[in-house]
Amino acid sequence: MSRRKRLSKGIRKYLRKEKARIRLEIHNMADQKKRIEELIMQIGKK
Protein backbone atom coordinates (compact mmCIF):
# COMPACT_ATOMS: atom_id res chain seq x y z
CA MET A 1 0.00 0.00 0.00
CA SER A 2 1.61 3.23 -1.13
CA ARG A 3 1.01 6.63 0.40
CA ARG A 4 0.85 9.83 -1.56
CA LYS A 5 3.42 12.45 -0.79
CA ARG A 6 1.66 15.37 0.81
CA LEU A 7 2.31 18.85 -0.58
CA SER A 8 3.57 21.57 1.71
CA LYS A 9 1.13 24.03 3.21
CA GLY A 10 2.44 26.89 1.05
CA ILE A 11 2.01 24.92 -2.17
CA ARG A 12 -1.50 23.83 -1.20
CA LYS A 13 -2.41 27.47 -0.48
CA TYR A 14 -0.96 28.56 -3.83
CA LEU A 15 -2.92 25.84 -5.68
CA ARG A 16 -6.16 26.81 -3.95
CA LYS A 17 -5.75 30.48 -4.90
CA GLU A 18 -4.76 29.72 -8.50
CA LYS A 19 -7.69 27.33 -8.97
CA ALA A 20 -10.07 30.01 -7.65
CA ARG A 21 -8.55 32.58 -10.02
CA ILE A 22 -8.92 30.21 -12.98
CA ARG A 23 -12.55 29.51 -12.11
CA LEU A 24 -13.33 33.24 -11.89
CA GLU A 25 -11.58 34.23 -15.11
CA ILE A 26 -12.57 31.31 -17.35
CA HIS A 27 -16.22 30.45 -17.79
CA ASN A 28 -15.84 27.45 -20.11
CA MET A 29 -15.84 24.32 -17.93
CA ALA A 30 -13.69 22.27 -20.30
CA ASP A 31 -11.08 25.03 -20.50
CA GLN A 32 -11.13 25.40 -16.70
CA LYS A 33 -10.44 21.71 -16.24
CA LYS A 34 -7.61 21.82 -18.79
CA ARG A 35 -5.94 24.82 -17.13
CA ILE A 36 -6.22 23.29 -13.64
CA GLU A 37 -4.70 20.02 -14.86
CA GLU A 38 -1.82 21.99 -16.43
CA LEU A 39 -1.28 23.82 -13.14
CA ILE A 40 -1.16 20.54 -11.21
CA MET A 41 1.28 19.05 -13.72
CA GLN A 42 3.58 22.07 -13.32
CA ILE A 43 3.54 21.71 -9.53
CA GLY A 44 4.16 17.97 -9.79
CA LYS A 45 7.33 18.47 -11.84
CA LYS A 46 8.96 20.65 -9.16
C-alpha atoms as a PDB file:
ATOM      1  CA  MET A   1       0.000   0.000   0.000  1.00  0.00           C
ATOM      2  CA  SER A   2       1.614   3.233  -1.129  1.00  0.00           C
ATOM      3  CA  ARG A   3       1.005   6.630   0.405  1.00  0.00           C
ATOM      4  CA  ARG A   4       0.846   9.826  -1.559  1.00  0.00           C
ATOM      5  CA  LYS A   5       3.416  12.446  -0.789  1.00  0.00           C
ATOM      6  CA  ARG A   6       1.664  15.375   0.813  1.00  0.00           C
ATOM      7  CA  LEU A   7       2.313  18.848  -0.584  1.00  0.00           C
ATOM      8  CA  SER A   8       3.570  21.571   1.715  1.00  0.00           C
ATOM      9  CA  LYS A   9       1.132  24.027   3.215  1.00  0.00           C
ATOM     10  CA  GLY A  10       2.442  26.889   1.053  1.00  0.00           C
ATOM     11  CA  ILE A  11       2.013  24.923  -2.173  1.00  0.00           C
ATOM     12  CA  ARG A  12      -1.495  23.831  -1.195  1.00  0.00           C
ATOM     13  CA  LYS A  13      -2.414  27.467  -0.480  1.00  0.00           C
ATOM     14  CA  TYR A  14      -0.964  28.558  -3.830  1.00  0.00           C
ATOM     15  CA  LEU A  15      -2.921  25.840  -5.676  1.00  0.00           C
ATOM     16  CA  ARG A  16      -6.164  26.809  -3.945  1.00  0.00           C
ATOM     17  CA  LYS A  17      -5.748  30.484  -4.902  1.00  0.00           C
ATOM     18  CA  GLU A  18      -4.759  29.723  -8.498  1.00  0.00           C
ATOM     19  CA  LYS A  19      -7.689  27.333  -8.971  1.00  0.00           C
ATOM     20  CA  ALA A  20     -10.069  30.006  -7.652  1.00  0.00           C
ATOM     21  CA  ARG A  21      -8.549  32.578 -10.024  1.00  0.00           C
ATOM     22  CA  ILE A  22      -8.917  30.213 -12.982  1.00  0.00           C
ATOM     23  CA  ARG A  23     -12.553  29.514 -12.106  1.00  0.00           C
ATOM     24  CA  LEU A  24     -13.329  33.241 -11.885  1.00  0.00           C
ATOM     25  CA  GLU A  25     -11.581  34.230 -15.114  1.00  0.00           C
ATOM     26  CA  ILE A  26     -12.572  31.315 -17.354  1.00  0.00           C
ATOM     27  CA  HIS A  27     -16.224  30.454 -17.788  1.00  0.00           C
ATOM     28  CA  ASN A  28     -15.843  27.455 -20.105  1.00  0.00           C
ATOM     29  CA  MET A  29     -15.841  24.321 -17.925  1.00  0.00           C
ATOM     30  CA  ALA A  30     -13.687  22.269 -20.297  1.00  0.00           C
ATOM     31  CA  ASP A  31     -11.083  25.033 -20.503  1.00  0.00           C
ATOM     32  CA  GLN A  32     -11.134  25.400 -16.697  1.00  0.00           C
ATOM     33  CA  LYS A  33     -10.440  21.715 -16.239  1.00  0.00           C
ATOM     34  CA  LYS A  34      -7.612  21.815 -18.790  1.00  0.00           C
ATOM     35  CA  ARG A  35      -5.943  24.823 -17.128  1.00  0.00           C
ATOM     36  CA  ILE A  36      -6.225  23.291 -13.640  1.00  0.00           C
ATOM     37  CA  GLU A  37      -4.701  20.022 -14.864  1.00  0.00           C
ATOM     38  CA  GLU A  38      -1.817  21.987 -16.428  1.00  0.00           C
ATOM     39  CA  LEU A  39      -1.284  23.822 -13.141  1.00  0.00           C
ATOM     40  CA  ILE A  40      -1.161  20.543 -11.208  1.00  0.00           C
ATOM     41  CA  MET A  41       1.276  19.052 -13.725  1.00  0.00           C
ATOM     42  CA  GLN A  42       3.583  22.073 -13.318  1.00  0.00           C
ATOM     43  CA  ILE A  43       3.536  21.708  -9.531  1.00  0.00           C
ATOM     44  CA  GLY A  44       4.156  17.970  -9.786  1.00  0.00           C
ATOM     45  CA  LYS A  45       7.330  18.470 -11.838  1.00  0.00           C
ATOM     46  CA  LYS A  46       8.956  20.646  -9.156  1.00  0.00           C
END
